PDB file of N, CA and C in Angstrom:
ATOM      1  N   UNK A   1       1.087  -1.550  -0.136  1.00  0.00           N
ATOM      2  CA  UNK A   1      -0.002  -0.141  -0.095  1.00  0.00           C
ATOM      3  C   UNK A   1       0.561   1.207  -0.085  1.00  0.00           C
ATOM      4  N   UNK A   2       0.899   2.079  -1.068  1.00  0.00           N
ATOM      5  CA  UNK A   2       1.538   3.585  -0.972  1.00  0.00           C
ATOM      6  C   UNK A   2       0.605   4.276   0.158  1.00  0.00           C
ATOM      7  N   UNK A   3       1.655   4.847   1.250  1.00  0.00           N
ATOM      8  CA  UNK A   3       1.413   5.945   2.364  1.00  0.00           C
ATOM      9  C   UNK A   3       2.137   7.049   1.771  1.00  0.00           C
ATOM     10  N   UNK A   4       2.390   7.701   2.663  1.00  0.00           N
ATOM     11  CA  UNK A   4       2.570   9.251   2.976  1.00  0.00           C
ATOM     12  C   UNK A   4       3.192  10.246   1.544  1.00  0.00           C
ATOM     13  N   UNK A   5       4.578  10.354   1.828  1.00  0.00           N
ATOM     14  CA  UNK A   5       4.354  11.323   0.450  1.00  0.00           C
ATOM     15  C   UNK A   5       4.651  10.967  -1.377  1.00  0.00           C
ATOM     16  N   UNK A   6       4.907   9.684  -0.953  1.00  0.00           N
ATOM     17  CA  UNK A   6       4.574   9.180  -2.007  1.00  0.00           C
ATOM     18  C   UNK A   6       3.298   9.418  -2.745  1.00  0.00           C
ATOM     19  N   UNK A   7       2.360   8.346  -1.817  1.00  0.00           N
ATOM     20  CA  UNK A   7       0.787   8.949  -1.989  1.00  0.00           C
ATOM     21  C   UNK A   7       0.084  10.389  -2.333  1.00  0.00           C
ATOM     22  N   UNK A   8       0.976  11.321  -1.694  1.00  0.00           N
ATOM     23  CA  UNK A   8       0.656  12.580  -1.811  1.00  0.00           C
ATOM     24  C   UNK A   8       1.241  13.119  -3.268  1.00  0.00           C
ATOM     25  N   UNK A   9       2.195  12.856  -4.074  1.00  0.00           N
ATOM     26  CA  UNK A   9       2.245  12.901  -4.859  1.00  0.00           C
ATOM     27  C   UNK A   9       1.482  12.031  -6.228  1.00  0.00           C
ATOM     28  N   UNK A  10       1.571  11.101  -5.998  1.00  0.00           N
ATOM     29  CA  UNK A  10       0.620   9.958  -7.123  1.00  0.00           C
ATOM     30  C   UNK A  10      -0.651  10.850  -7.169  1.00  0.00           C
ATOM     31  N   UNK A  11      -1.431  11.165  -5.764  1.00  0.00           N
ATOM     32  CA  UNK A  11      -2.683  11.770  -6.187  1.00  0.00           C
ATOM     33  C   UNK A  11      -2.754  12.453  -6.394  1.00  0.00           C
ATOM     34  N   UNK A  12      -1.481  14.505  -6.356  1.00  0.00           N
ATOM     35  CA  UNK A  12      -1.509  15.360  -7.369  1.00  0.00           C
ATOM     36  C   UNK A  12      -1.279  15.052  -8.553  1.00  0.00           C
ATOM     37  N   UNK A  13      -0.552  14.262  -9.227  1.00  0.00           N
ATOM     38  CA  UNK A  13      -0.612  13.682 -10.624  1.00  0.00           C
ATOM     39  C   UNK A  13      -1.951  13.500 -11.195  1.00  0.00           C
ATOM     40  N   UNK A  14      -2.742  12.312 -10.229  1.00  0.00           N
ATOM     41  CA  UNK A  14      -3.825  12.208 -11.097  1.00  0.00           C
ATOM     42  C   UNK A  14      -4.945  13.264 -11.125  1.00  0.00           C
ATOM     43  N   UNK A  15      -4.638  14.144  -9.574  1.00  0.00           N
ATOM     44  CA  UNK A  15      -5.617  15.533  -9.922  1.00  0.00           C
ATOM     45  C   UNK A  15      -5.365  16.098 -11.224  1.00  0.00           C
ATOM     46  N   UNK A  16      -4.267  16.464 -11.469  1.00  0.00           N
ATOM     47  CA  UNK A  16      -3.548  16.907 -12.510  1.00  0.00           C
ATOM     48  C   UNK A  16      -4.248  16.816 -13.836  1.00  0.00           C
ATOM     49  N   UNK A  17      -4.254  15.371 -14.390  1.00  0.00           N
ATOM     50  CA  UNK A  17      -4.741  14.463 -15.174  1.00  0.00           C
ATOM     51  C   UNK A  17      -6.056  14.630 -14.918  1.00  0.00           C
ATOM     52  N   UNK A  18      -6.632  14.425 -14.046  1.00  0.00           N
ATOM     53  CA  UNK A  18      -8.314  14.724 -13.525  1.00  0.00           C
ATOM     54  C   UNK A  18      -8.864  15.916 -14.394  1.00  0.00           C
ATOM     55  N   UNK A  19      -7.981  16.377 -14.054  1.00  0.00           N
ATOM     56  CA  UNK A  19      -8.421  18.209 -14.245  1.00  0.00           C
ATOM     57  C   UNK A  19      -8.286  18.751 -15.533  1.00  0.00           C
ATOM     58  N   UNK A  20      -7.291  18.016 -15.973  1.00  0.00           N
ATOM     59  CA  UNK A  20      -7.266  17.966 -17.362  1.00  0.00           C
ATOM     60  C   UNK A  20      -7.893  17.463 -18.728  1.00  0.00           C
ATOM     61  N   UNK A  21      -8.850  16.395 -18.106  1.00  0.00           N
ATOM     62  CA  UNK A  21      -9.782  15.758 -19.012  1.00  0.00           C
ATOM     63  C   UNK A  21      -8.936  14.362 -19.586  1.00  0.00           C
ATOM     64  N   UNK A  22      -8.483  13.964 -18.574  1.00  0.00           N
ATOM     65  CA  UNK A  22      -8.392  12.515 -18.605  1.00  0.00           C
ATOM     66  C   UNK A  22      -8.401  11.473 -17.759  1.00  0.00           C
ATOM     67  N   UNK A  23      -9.395  10.721 -18.039  1.00  0.00           N
ATOM     68  CA  UNK A  23      -9.887  10.476 -16.503  1.00  0.00           C
ATOM     69  C   UNK A  23      -9.647   8.532 -16.700  1.00  0.00           C
ATOM     70  N   UNK A  24      -9.678   8.328 -17.638  1.00  0.00           N
ATOM     71  CA  UNK A  24      -9.082   6.750 -18.470  1.00  0.00           C
ATOM     72  C   UNK A  24      -8.056   6.397 -17.247  1.00  0.00           C
ATOM     73  N   UNK A  25      -8.165   5.713 -16.402  1.00  0.00           N
ATOM     74  CA  UNK A  25      -6.523   5.308 -15.936  1.00  0.00           C
ATOM     75  C   UNK A  25      -5.064   4.879 -16.865  1.00  0.00           C
ATOM     76  N   UNK A  26      -6.006   4.087 -17.544  1.00  0.00           N
ATOM     77  CA  UNK A  26      -5.205   3.729 -19.092  1.00  0.00           C
ATOM     78  C   UNK A  26      -4.276   4.474 -19.598  1.00  0.00           C
ATOM     79  N   UNK A  27      -5.227   5.815 -19.475  1.00  0.00           N
ATOM     80  CA  UNK A  27      -4.949   6.732 -20.932  1.00  0.00           C
ATOM     81  C   UNK A  27      -3.611   7.918 -19.580  1.00  0.00           C
ATOM     82  N   UNK A  28      -4.057   7.447 -18.255  1.00  0.00           N
ATOM     83  CA  UNK A  28      -3.177   8.776 -17.872  1.00  0.00           C
ATOM     84  C   UNK A  28      -1.656   7.786 -17.219  1.00  0.00           C
ATOM     85  N   UNK A  29      -1.874   6.449 -16.983  1.00  0.00           N
ATOM     86  CA  UNK A  29      -0.456   6.171 -17.487  1.00  0.00           C
ATOM     87  C   UNK A  29      -0.090   5.899 -18.722  1.00  0.00           C
ATOM     88  N   UNK A  30      -0.575   5.457 -19.542  1.00  0.00           N
ATOM     89  CA  UNK A  30       0.164   6.012 -20.843  1.00  0.00           C
ATOM     90  C   UNK A  30       0.785   7.043 -20.865  1.00  0.00           C
ATOM     91  N   UNK A  31      -0.012   8.573 -20.972  1.00  0.00           N
ATOM     92  CA  UNK A  31       0.330  10.087 -20.461  1.00  0.00           C
ATOM     93  C   UNK A  31       1.935   9.839 -19.622  1.00  0.00           C
ATOM     94  N   UNK A  32       1.933   9.501 -18.193  1.00  0.00           N
ATOM     95  CA  UNK A  32       2.966   9.142 -17.694  1.00  0.00           C
ATOM     96  C   UNK A  32       3.957   8.692 -18.122  1.00  0.00           C
ATOM     97  N   UNK A  33       3.902   7.226 -18.721  1.00  0.00           N
ATOM     98  CA  UNK A  33       4.781   7.053 -19.209  1.00  0.00           C
ATOM     99  C   UNK A  33       5.699   7.133 -19.870  1.00  0.00           C
ATOM    100  N   UNK A  34       5.473   7.901 -21.571  1.00  0.00           N
ATOM    101  CA  UNK A  34       5.912   9.167 -22.215  1.00  0.00           C
ATOM    102  C   UNK A  34       6.489   9.924 -21.332  1.00  0.00           C
ATOM    103  N   UNK A  35       6.342  10.721 -20.384  1.00  0.00           N
ATOM    104  CA  UNK A  35       6.590  11.797 -19.541  1.00  0.00           C
ATOM    105  C   UNK A  35       8.479  11.170 -18.805  1.00  0.00           C
ATOM    106  N   UNK A  36       7.928   9.987 -18.291  1.00  0.00           N
ATOM    107  CA  UNK A  36       9.139   9.264 -17.350  1.00  0.00           C
ATOM    108  C   UNK A  36       9.705   9.061 -18.368  1.00  0.00           C
ATOM    109  N   UNK A  37       9.640   8.361 -19.771  1.00  0.00           N
ATOM    110  CA  UNK A  37      10.561   7.837 -20.831  1.00  0.00           C
ATOM    111  C   UNK A  37      11.440   9.626 -21.000  1.00  0.00           C
ATOM    112  N   UNK A  38      10.630  10.639 -21.678  1.00  0.00           N
ATOM    113  CA  UNK A  38      11.452  11.829 -22.103  1.00  0.00           C
ATOM    114  C   UNK A  38      12.240  12.286 -20.846  1.00  0.00           C
ATOM    115  N   UNK A  39      11.732  12.215 -19.463  1.00  0.00           N
ATOM    116  CA  UNK A  39      13.076  12.444 -18.663  1.00  0.00           C
ATOM    117  C   UNK A  39      13.844  11.562 -18.388  1.00  0.00           C
ATOM    118  N   UNK A  40      13.970  10.415 -18.580  1.00  0.00           N
ATOM    119  CA  UNK A  40      14.727   9.646 -18.855  1.00  0.00           C
ATOM    120  C   UNK A  40      16.154   9.627 -19.781  1.00  0.00           C
ATOM    121  N   UNK A  41      15.190  10.201 -21.035  1.00  0.00           N
ATOM    122  CA  UNK A  41      16.386  10.173 -22.069  1.00  0.00           C
ATOM    123  C   UNK A  41      17.155  11.454 -21.393  1.00  0.00           C
ATOM    124  N   UNK A  42      16.380  12.569 -21.225  1.00  0.00           N
ATOM    125  CA  UNK A  42      17.757  13.511 -20.951  1.00  0.00           C
ATOM    126  C   UNK A  42      18.641  13.031 -19.254  1.00  0.00           C
ATOM    127  N   UNK A  43      18.325  12.197 -18.769  1.00  0.00           N
ATOM    128  CA  UNK A  43      18.820  12.090 -17.858  1.00  0.00           C
ATOM    129  C   UNK A  43      20.062  11.170 -18.435  1.00  0.00           C
ATOM    130  N   UNK A  44      19.906  10.269 -19.354  1.00  0.00           N
ATOM    131  CA  UNK A  44      20.625   9.640 -19.712  1.00  0.00           C
ATOM    132  C   UNK A  44      22.016  10.479 -20.801  1.00  0.00           C
ATOM    133  N   UNK A  45      20.984  11.452 -21.672  1.00  0.00           N
ATOM    134  CA  UNK A  45      21.944  12.448 -21.881  1.00  0.00           C
ATOM    135  C   UNK A  45      22.721  13.203 -21.267  1.00  0.00           C
ATOM    136  N   UNK A  46      22.604  13.895 -20.615  1.00  0.00           N
ATOM    137  CA  UNK A  46      23.111  14.433 -19.519  1.00  0.00           C
ATOM    138  C   UNK A  46      24.102  13.882 -18.951  1.00  0.00           C
ATOM    139  N   UNK A  47      24.274  12.467 -18.698  1.00  0.00           N
ATOM    140  CA  UNK A  47      25.148  11.585 -18.118  1.00  0.00           C
ATOM    141  C   UNK A  47      26.280  11.713 -19.595  1.00  0.00           C
ATOM    142  N   UNK A  48      25.749  11.040 -20.520  1.00  0.00           N
ATOM    143  CA  UNK A  48      26.845  11.337 -21.242  1.00  0.00           C
ATOM    144  C   UNK A  48      27.694  12.247 -21.749  1.00  0.00           C
ATOM    145  N   UNK A  49      26.875  13.419 -21.818  1.00  0.00           N
ATOM    146  CA  UNK A  49      27.837  14.910 -21.801  1.00  0.00           C
ATOM    147  C   UNK A  49      29.063  14.926 -20.923  1.00  0.00           C
ATOM    148  N   UNK A  50      27.803  14.746 -19.852  1.00  0.00           N
ATOM    149  CA  UNK A  50      29.101  14.943 -18.860  1.00  0.00           C
ATOM    150  C   UNK A  50      30.323  14.156 -18.609  1.00  0.00           C
ATOM    151  N   UNK A  51      30.290  12.736 -19.296  1.00  0.00           N
ATOM    152  CA  UNK A  51      31.416  11.929 -19.461  1.00  0.00           C
ATOM    153  C   UNK A  51      32.383  12.113 -20.382  1.00  0.00           C
ATOM    154  N   UNK A  52      31.479  12.626 -21.476  1.00  0.00           N
ATOM    155  CA  UNK A  52      32.606  13.029 -23.082  1.00  0.00           C
ATOM    156  C   UNK A  52      33.111  14.054 -22.869  1.00  0.00           C
ATOM    157  N   UNK A  53      33.036  14.856 -21.467  1.00  0.00           N
ATOM    158  CA  UNK A  53      33.339  16.313 -21.197  1.00  0.00           C
ATOM    159  C   UNK A  53      34.650  15.928 -20.330  1.00  0.00           C
ATOM    160  N   UNK A  54      34.443  15.012 -19.935  1.00  0.00           N
ATOM    161  CA  UNK A  54      35.378  14.519 -18.479  1.00  0.00           C
ATOM    162  C   UNK A  54      36.627  13.820 -19.088  1.00  0.00           C
ATOM    163  N   UNK A  55      35.758  13.051 -20.286  1.00  0.00           N
ATOM    164  CA  UNK A  55      37.374  12.345 -20.921  1.00  0.00           C
ATOM    165  C   UNK A  55      37.687  12.883 -22.282  1.00  0.00           C
ATOM    166  N   UNK A  56      37.180  14.370 -22.191  1.00  0.00           N
ATOM    167  CA  UNK A  56      37.595  15.259 -23.699  1.00  0.00           C
ATOM    168  C   UNK A  56      37.637  14.467 -24.685  1.00  0.00           C
ATOM    169  N   UNK A  57      36.279  13.539 -24.827  1.00  0.00           N
ATOM    170  CA  UNK A  57      35.766  13.177 -26.044  1.00  0.00           C
ATOM    171  C   UNK A  57      34.562  14.115 -26.733  1.00  0.00           C
ATOM    172  N   UNK A  58      34.339  14.282 -27.849  1.00  0.00           N
ATOM    173  CA  UNK A  58      32.815  15.247 -28.754  1.00  0.00           C
ATOM    174  C   UNK A  58      32.247  14.318 -28.162  1.00  0.00           C
ATOM    175  N   UNK A  59      30.929  14.426 -28.125  1.00  0.00           N
ATOM    176  CA  UNK A  59      29.754  13.709 -28.086  1.00  0.00           C
ATOM    177  C   UNK A  59      28.363  14.151 -28.706  1.00  0.00           C
ATOM    178  N   UNK A  60      27.875  13.347 -29.518  1.00  0.00           N
ATOM    179  CA  UNK A  60      27.300  14.517 -30.755  1.00  0.00           C
ATOM    180  C   UNK A  60      25.874  14.682 -29.627  1.00  0.00           C
ATOM    181  N   UNK A  61      25.147  13.413 -29.615  1.00  0.00           N
ATOM    182  CA  UNK A  61      24.176  13.473 -28.328  1.00  0.00           C
ATOM    183  C   UNK A  61      22.901  12.954 -29.647  1.00  0.00           C
ATOM    184  N   UNK A  62      21.594  12.489 -28.696  1.00  0.00           N
ATOM    185  CA  UNK A  62      20.356  12.426 -29.102  1.00  0.00           C
ATOM    186  C   UNK A  62      19.861  13.348 -29.449  1.00  0.00           C
ATOM    187  N   UNK A  63      20.042  14.404 -28.834  1.00  0.00           N
ATOM    188  CA  UNK A  63      18.196  15.463 -29.402  1.00  0.00           C
ATOM    189  C   UNK A  63      19.191  16.611 -30.027  1.00  0.00           C
ATOM    190  N   UNK A  64      18.176  16.877 -30.680  1.00  0.00           N
ATOM    191  CA  UNK A  64      18.750  17.897 -31.908  1.00  0.00           C
ATOM    192  C   UNK A  64      19.506  19.379 -31.212  1.00  0.00           C
ATOM    193  N   UNK A  65      20.570  19.503 -31.580  1.00  0.00           N
ATOM    194  CA  UNK A  65      21.070  20.903 -31.083  1.00  0.00           C
ATOM    195  C   UNK A  65      20.235  22.336 -30.763  1.00  0.00           C
ATOM    196  N   UNK A  66      19.484  22.157 -31.594  1.00  0.00           N
ATOM    197  CA  UNK A  66      18.746  23.741 -32.465  1.00  0.00           C
ATOM    198  C   UNK A  66      18.003  23.638 -31.349  1.00  0.00           C
ATOM    199  N   UNK A  67      16.953  22.240 -31.074  1.00  0.00           N
ATOM    200  CA  UNK A  67      15.557  22.100 -30.371  1.00  0.00           C
ATOM    201  C   UNK A  67      16.136  21.888 -29.145  1.00  0.00           C
ATOM    202  N   UNK A  68      16.628  22.692 -27.662  1.00  0.00           N
ATOM    203  CA  UNK A  68      16.871  21.935 -26.913  1.00  0.00           C
ATOM    204  C   UNK A  68      15.568  22.331 -25.266  1.00  0.00           C
ATOM    205  N   UNK A  69      14.649  22.530 -26.114  1.00  0.00           N
ATOM    206  CA  UNK A  69      13.219  22.726 -25.269  1.00  0.00           C
ATOM    207  C   UNK A  69      12.536  21.407 -25.389  1.00  0.00           C
ATOM    208  N   UNK A  70      13.575  20.336 -25.961  1.00  0.00           N
ATOM    209  CA  UNK A  70      12.554  18.669 -26.225  1.00  0.00           C
ATOM    210  C   UNK A  70      13.441  18.338 -25.535  1.00  0.00           C
ATOM    211  N   UNK A  71      14.498  18.632 -24.250  1.00  0.00           N
ATOM    212  CA  UNK A  71      15.032  17.931 -22.948  1.00  0.00           C
ATOM    213  C   UNK A  71      14.185  17.904 -22.031  1.00  0.00           C
ATOM    214  N   UNK A  72      13.841  17.717 -20.997  1.00  0.00           N
ATOM    215  CA  UNK A  72      13.307  17.090 -19.876  1.00  0.00           C
ATOM    216  C   UNK A  72      13.530  18.510 -19.163  1.00  0.00           C
ATOM    217  N   UNK A  73      14.662  19.256 -18.990  1.00  0.00           N
ATOM    218  CA  UNK A  73      14.854  20.037 -17.705  1.00  0.00           C
ATOM    219  C   UNK A  73      14.438  21.562 -18.811  1.00  0.00           C
ATOM    220  N   UNK A  74      14.222  21.799 -19.992  1.00  0.00           N
ATOM    221  CA  UNK A  74      13.609  22.527 -20.245  1.00  0.00           C
ATOM    222  C   UNK A  74      12.322  22.524 -21.100  1.00  0.00           C
ATOM    223  N   UNK A  75      12.087  21.161 -21.378  1.00  0.00           N
ATOM    224  CA  UNK A  75      10.323  21.226 -21.449  1.00  0.00           C
ATOM    225  C   UNK A  75       9.468  21.407 -19.913  1.00  0.00           C
ATOM    226  N   UNK A  76      10.190  21.018 -19.042  1.00  0.00           N
ATOM    227  CA  UNK A  76       8.802  20.828 -17.469  1.00  0.00           C
ATOM    228  C   UNK A  76       8.905  22.532 -17.551  1.00  0.00           C
ATOM    229  N   UNK A  77       9.816  23.135 -17.819  1.00  0.00           N
ATOM    230  CA  UNK A  77       9.619  24.365 -17.081  1.00  0.00           C
ATOM    231  C   UNK A  77       8.949  25.575 -18.298  1.00  0.00           C
ATOM    232  N   UNK A  78       7.980  24.818 -19.727  1.00  0.00           N
ATOM    233  CA  UNK A  78       7.565  25.806 -20.244  1.00  0.00           C
ATOM    234  C   UNK A  78       6.272  26.364 -19.526  1.00  0.00           C
ATOM    235  N   UNK A  79       5.578  25.876 -18.980  1.00  0.00           N
ATOM    236  CA  UNK A  79       4.424  26.534 -18.208  1.00  0.00           C
ATOM    237  C   UNK A  79       3.322  25.925 -18.734  1.00  0.00           C
ATOM    238  N   UNK A  80       3.018  26.962 -19.985  1.00  0.00           N
ATOM    239  CA  UNK A  80       1.390  26.953 -20.526  1.00  0.00           C
ATOM    240  C   UNK A  80       1.421  25.185 -21.277  1.00  0.00           C
ATOM    241  N   UNK A  81       0.258  25.047 -20.763  1.00  0.00           N
ATOM    242  CA  UNK A  81      -0.239  23.452 -21.018  1.00  0.00           C
ATOM    243  C   UNK A  81      -0.146  23.342 -22.666  1.00  0.00           C
ATOM    244  N   UNK A  82      -1.216  24.386 -23.309  1.00  0.00           N
ATOM    245  CA  UNK A  82      -1.021  24.436 -24.835  1.00  0.00           C
ATOM    246  C   UNK A  82       0.309  24.296 -25.457  1.00  0.00           C
ATOM    247  N   UNK A  83       0.935  24.573 -25.137  1.00  0.00           N
ATOM    248  CA  UNK A  83       2.671  24.812 -25.913  1.00  0.00           C
ATOM    249  C   UNK A  83       2.831  23.346 -25.442  1.00  0.00           C
ATOM    250  N   UNK A  84       3.203  23.425 -24.114  1.00  0.00           N
ATOM    251  CA  UNK A  84       3.848  22.087 -24.452  1.00  0.00           C
ATOM    252  C   UNK A  84       2.673  20.576 -25.192  1.00  0.00           C
ATOM    253  N   UNK A  85       1.811  20.906 -25.094  1.00  0.00           N
ATOM    254  CA  UNK A  85       0.948  19.747 -25.921  1.00  0.00           C
ATOM    255  C   UNK A  85       1.049  20.031 -27.098  1.00  0.00           C
ATOM    256  N   UNK A  86       1.540  21.502 -28.034  1.00  0.00           N
ATOM    257  CA  UNK A  86       1.941  21.201 -29.075  1.00  0.00           C
ATOM    258  C   UNK A  86       3.463  20.675 -29.121  1.00  0.00           C
ATOM    259  N   UNK A  87       4.183  20.757 -28.734  1.00  0.00           N
ATOM    260  CA  UNK A  87       5.449  20.171 -28.512  1.00  0.00           C
ATOM    261  C   UNK A  87       5.624  19.045 -28.491  1.00  0.00           C
ATOM    262  N   UNK A  88       4.463  18.431 -27.414  1.00  0.00           N
ATOM    263  CA  UNK A  88       4.849  17.229 -27.397  1.00  0.00           C
ATOM    264  C   UNK A  88       3.930  16.511 -28.978  1.00  0.00           C
ATOM    265  N   UNK A  89       2.902  17.064 -29.431  1.00  0.00           N
ATOM    266  CA  UNK A  89       2.871  16.089 -30.537  1.00  0.00           C
ATOM    267  C   UNK A  89       3.655  16.526 -31.819  1.00  0.00           C
ATOM    268  N   UNK A  90       3.300  17.795 -32.068  1.00  0.00           N
ATOM    269  CA  UNK A  90       4.409  18.254 -33.141  1.00  0.00           C
ATOM    270  C   UNK A  90       6.096  17.717 -33.168  1.00  0.00           C
ATOM    271  N   UNK A  91       6.392  17.622 -32.221  1.00  0.00           N
ATOM    272  CA  UNK A  91       8.298  17.778 -32.317  1.00  0.00           C
ATOM    273  C   UNK A  91       8.193  16.218 -31.443  1.00  0.00           C
ATOM    274  N   UNK A  92       7.822  16.370 -30.318  1.00  0.00           N
ATOM    275  CA  UNK A  92       8.816  14.966 -29.516  1.00  0.00           C
ATOM    276  C   UNK A  92       8.214  13.871 -29.826  1.00  0.00           C
ATOM    277  N   UNK A  93       6.715  13.580 -30.269  1.00  0.00           N
ATOM    278  CA  UNK A  93       6.425  12.349 -30.557  1.00  0.00           C
ATOM    279  C   UNK A  93       7.879  12.080 -31.821  1.00  0.00           C
ATOM    280  N   UNK A  94       7.164  12.579 -32.606  1.00  0.00           N
ATOM    281  CA  UNK A  94       8.155  12.491 -33.650  1.00  0.00           C
ATOM    282  C   UNK A  94       9.517  12.130 -33.672  1.00  0.00           C
ATOM    283  N   UNK A  95      10.055  13.574 -33.012  1.00  0.00           N
ATOM    284  CA  UNK A  95      11.421  12.851 -32.573  1.00  0.00           C
ATOM    285  C   UNK A  95      11.925  11.474 -31.651  1.00  0.00           C
ATOM    286  N   UNK A  96      10.530  11.682 -30.830  1.00  0.00           N
ATOM    287  CA  UNK A  96      10.879   9.678 -30.088  1.00  0.00           C
ATOM    288  C   UNK A  96      11.096   8.238 -31.007  1.00  0.00           C
ATOM    289  N   UNK A  97       9.337   8.689 -32.359  1.00  0.00           N
ATOM    290  CA  UNK A  97       9.533   7.472 -33.109  1.00  0.00           C
ATOM    291  C   UNK A  97      10.994   7.359 -34.141  1.00  0.00           C
ATOM    292  N   UNK A  98      11.636   8.086 -34.479  1.00  0.00           N
ATOM    293  CA  UNK A  98      12.563   8.149 -34.987  1.00  0.00           C
ATOM    294  C   UNK A  98      14.248   8.059 -34.654  1.00  0.00           C
ATOM    295  N   UNK A  99      14.097   8.048 -32.998  1.00  0.00           N
ATOM    296  CA  UNK A  99      14.988   7.477 -32.321  1.00  0.00           C
ATOM    297  C   UNK A  99      16.394   6.640 -33.381  1.00  0.00           C
ATOM    298  N   UNK A 100      15.603   5.649 -33.206  1.00  0.00           N
ATOM    299  CA  UNK A 100      16.584   4.648 -33.794  1.00  0.00           C
ATOM    300  C   UNK A 100      17.111   4.842 -35.586  1.00  0.00           C
ATOM    301  N   UNK A 101      16.515   5.989 -36.000  1.00  0.00           N
ATOM    302  CA  UNK A 101      16.518   6.329 -37.580  1.00  0.00           C
ATOM    303  C   UNK A 101      16.098   5.188 -38.715  1.00  0.00           C
ATOM    304  N   UNK A 102      15.288   3.931 -38.041  1.00  0.00           N
ATOM    305  CA  UNK A 102      14.601   3.098 -39.138  1.00  0.00           C
ATOM    306  C   UNK A 102      13.207   3.036 -38.926  1.00  0.00           C
ATOM    307  N   UNK A 103      12.793   3.742 -38.209  1.00  0.00           N
ATOM    308  CA  UNK A 103      11.676   3.713 -37.622  1.00  0.00           C
ATOM    309  C   UNK A 103      10.767   1.616 -37.154  1.00  0.00           C
ATOM    310  N   UNK A 104      12.365   1.456 -36.341  1.00  0.00           N
ATOM    311  CA  UNK A 104      11.409  -0.071 -36.165  1.00  0.00           C
ATOM    312  C   UNK A 104      11.909  -0.321 -34.488  1.00  0.00           C
ATOM    313  N   UNK A 105      11.378   1.020 -33.711  1.00  0.00           N
ATOM    314  CA  UNK A 105      11.135   0.980 -32.401  1.00  0.00           C
ATOM    315  C   UNK A 105       9.934   0.734 -31.805  1.00  0.00           C
ATOM    316  N   UNK A 106       9.922   0.183 -30.674  1.00  0.00           N
ATOM    317  CA  UNK A 106       8.434  -0.147 -30.053  1.00  0.00           C
ATOM    318  C   UNK A 106       8.012   1.273 -29.712  1.00  0.00           C
ATOM    319  N   UNK A 107       8.738   2.390 -30.080  1.00  0.00           N
ATOM    320  CA  UNK A 107       8.040   3.823 -29.803  1.00  0.00           C
ATOM    321  C   UNK A 107       7.508   4.054 -31.395  1.00  0.00           C
ATOM    322  N   UNK A 108       8.050   3.807 -32.016  1.00  0.00           N
ATOM    323  CA  UNK A 108       8.152   4.161 -33.673  1.00  0.00           C
ATOM    324  C   UNK A 108       6.512   3.661 -33.453  1.00  0.00           C
ATOM    325  N   UNK A 109       6.454   2.018 -33.419  1.00  0.00           N
ATOM    326  CA  UNK A 109       5.424   1.459 -33.695  1.00  0.00           C
ATOM    327  C   UNK A 109       4.036   1.883 -33.030  1.00  0.00           C
ATOM    328  N   UNK A 110       3.937   1.862 -31.865  1.00  0.00           N
ATOM    329  CA  UNK A 110       2.959   2.606 -31.077  1.00  0.00           C
ATOM    330  C   UNK A 110       2.594   3.852 -31.025  1.00  0.00           C
ATOM    331  N   UNK A 111       3.532   4.889 -30.932  1.00  0.00           N
ATOM    332  CA  UNK A 111       3.349   5.968 -30.628  1.00  0.00           C
ATOM    333  C   UNK A 111       2.173   6.855 -32.176  1.00  0.00           C
TER     334      UNK A 111
END
């Protein structure tokens, strides 16, 4: 059973989705999974950048240099729900779909 601070955080997230019009628990889980994946991608990218800098190596990275707002640490601070939705729909989902470049990733098939 979830109690305390974790329960409070989960309840707050659920309330945000609910008030935003997403009431189906499966839809909430799906949307939350996308957000967690985006956050994880940014964390891995940040670690790889730090490692490359430490060892004096070049690192190209996953994210386009001209679109820093696709990274979680920028995306989470956009503020406007409409702007976040537009970026997710028009840029972030297509970016994730093409991560492998061949359209064969799981995300490419299901997003």
